[in-house]
Amino acid sequence: MSSQRAVGRRLPSGIAELTKECTEFAAALGAKLIIGGTVGQRTRNLLEGACVNLERSFLAGRAFPGHPRDFTAQLASWLAGNGNQARPAPGCSAGDLVAADKGAMRPLPAVPR
């Protein structure tokens, strides 16, 4: 992501160090943040896609007045509904997936008349 320095850094010794602001934010949410190792471009693209999807489909037009629990409650409700919909694999169009599914189908048995 573009704001990695706002979250933390990896020291030369290999130990991850979170910024003060990030630590305070995680504490307010009751969350534990872990800085992962380096990842490949494909992993980074999948993560960025998930973030963009969350931003466009969940965060758009919402307000979270007062407390992080507002966010947590709304996110839990959203995930229980449309947030768990399966999505096509990266690099595939829906048409490609339909064609692949049709190609893998066995013929239907004959219908007795």
Protein backbone atom coordinates (compact mmCIF):
# COMPACT_ATOMS: atom_id res chain seq x y z
CA MET A 1 0.00 0.00 0.00
CA SER A 2 1.15 3.55 -0.51
CA SER A 3 1.18 4.53 3.19
CA GLN A 4 3.34 1.75 4.63
CA ARG A 5 5.59 4.22 6.47
CA ALA A 6 2.54 5.45 8.40
CA VAL A 7 2.08 1.94 9.79
CA GLY A 8 5.61 0.96 10.69
CA ARG A 9 8.94 -0.28 9.49
CA ARG A 10 11.25 -3.24 9.74
CA LEU A 11 14.44 -2.53 11.66
CA PRO A 12 17.83 -3.76 10.32
CA SER A 13 17.68 -6.49 12.97
CA GLY A 14 14.51 -7.79 11.28
CA ILE A 15 12.17 -6.77 14.09
CA ALA A 16 9.01 -4.92 13.04
CA GLU A 17 8.28 -1.61 14.74
CA LEU A 18 4.85 0.06 14.53
CA THR A 19 4.51 3.83 14.67
CA LYS A 20 3.04 5.41 17.81
CA GLU A 21 -0.07 6.53 15.88
CA CYS A 22 -0.63 3.07 14.44
CA THR A 23 -0.22 1.44 17.86
CA GLU A 24 -2.74 3.84 19.40
CA PHE A 25 -5.22 3.25 16.55
CA ALA A 26 -4.93 -0.52 16.93
CA ALA A 27 -5.45 -0.20 20.68
CA ALA A 28 -8.59 1.90 20.13
CA LEU A 29 -9.98 -0.83 17.87
CA GLY A 30 -8.83 -3.64 20.15
CA ALA A 31 -6.83 -5.09 17.26
CA LYS A 32 -3.37 -6.59 16.92
CA LEU A 33 -1.35 -5.45 13.92
CA ILE A 34 1.46 -7.49 12.46
CA ILE A 35 3.89 -6.29 9.83
CA GLY A 36 4.36 -9.14 7.39
CA GLY A 37 7.38 -9.93 5.32
CA THR A 38 7.85 -8.87 1.74
CA VAL A 39 5.29 -10.23 -0.68
CA GLY A 40 5.19 -10.80 -4.39
CA GLN A 41 3.41 -8.55 -6.84
CA ARG A 42 0.47 -10.97 -7.22
CA THR A 43 -0.16 -10.96 -3.47
CA ARG A 44 0.10 -7.19 -3.36
CA ASN A 45 -2.40 -6.90 -6.24
CA LEU A 46 -4.87 -9.22 -4.49
CA LEU A 47 -4.63 -7.20 -1.30
CA GLU A 48 -5.03 -3.89 -3.12
CA GLY A 49 -8.07 -5.31 -4.96
CA ALA A 50 -9.65 -6.38 -1.68
CA CYS A 51 -9.08 -2.94 -0.20
CA VAL A 52 -10.58 -1.20 -3.23
CA ASN A 53 -13.58 -3.55 -3.12
CA LEU A 54 -14.14 -2.83 0.57
CA GLU A 55 -13.83 0.89 -0.03
CA ARG A 56 -16.29 0.92 -2.94
CA SER A 57 -18.86 -1.59 -1.73
CA PHE A 58 -18.85 -1.15 2.04
CA LEU A 59 -17.41 2.24 3.01
CA ALA A 60 -19.12 4.33 0.33
CA GLY A 61 -21.77 6.56 1.89
CA ARG A 62 -21.44 5.19 5.43
CA ALA A 63 -20.79 7.12 8.63
CA PHE A 64 -19.37 5.78 11.87
CA PRO A 65 -20.31 8.34 14.52
CA GLY A 66 -18.77 8.22 17.90
CA HIS A 67 -17.03 4.92 18.39
CA PRO A 68 -15.14 2.12 16.60
CA ARG A 69 -17.97 -0.22 17.63
CA ASP A 70 -20.14 1.54 15.02
CA PHE A 71 -17.70 0.46 12.32
CA THR A 72 -17.41 -3.07 13.72
CA ALA A 73 -21.19 -3.54 13.93
CA GLN A 74 -21.80 -2.26 10.41
CA LEU A 75 -18.95 -4.34 8.97
CA ALA A 76 -20.21 -7.50 10.69
CA SER A 77 -23.70 -6.92 9.31
CA TRP A 78 -22.35 -6.27 5.81
CA LEU A 79 -20.11 -9.36 5.88
CA ALA A 80 -23.05 -11.54 6.92
CA GLY A 81 -24.88 -10.43 3.78
CA ASN A 82 -23.26 -9.50 0.52
CA GLY A 83 -19.71 -9.22 1.80
CA ASN A 84 -19.01 -12.93 1.32
CA GLN A 85 -19.95 -13.19 -2.33
CA ALA A 86 -17.52 -15.19 -4.40
CA ARG A 87 -15.57 -13.19 -6.93
CA PRO A 88 -13.86 -14.33 -10.11
CA ALA A 89 -10.18 -15.10 -9.97
CA PRO A 90 -7.90 -12.20 -10.93
CA GLY A 91 -7.32 -11.96 -14.65
CA CYS A 92 -10.54 -13.81 -15.56
CA SER A 93 -13.70 -12.35 -16.95
CA ALA A 94 -17.09 -13.77 -16.06
CA GLY A 95 -17.45 -14.91 -19.67
CA ASP A 96 -14.23 -16.91 -19.43
CA LEU A 97 -15.47 -18.65 -16.31
CA VAL A 98 -18.85 -19.51 -17.88
CA ALA A 99 -17.12 -21.00 -20.94
CA ALA A 100 -14.82 -23.06 -18.70
CA ASP A 101 -17.77 -24.30 -16.62
CA LYS A 102 -19.75 -25.29 -19.72
CA GLY A 103 -16.73 -27.15 -21.08
CA ALA A 104 -16.44 -29.14 -17.83
CA MET A 105 -20.11 -30.15 -17.72
CA ARG A 106 -21.14 -33.70 -18.54
CA PRO A 107 -24.02 -34.19 -20.94
CA LEU A 108 -27.44 -34.57 -19.37
CA PRO A 109 -28.96 -38.05 -19.45
CA ALA A 110 -31.68 -38.77 -21.96
CA VAL A 111 -35.19 -37.95 -20.77
CA PRO A 112 -37.60 -40.91 -21.09
CA ARG A 113 -40.68 -40.13 -23.16
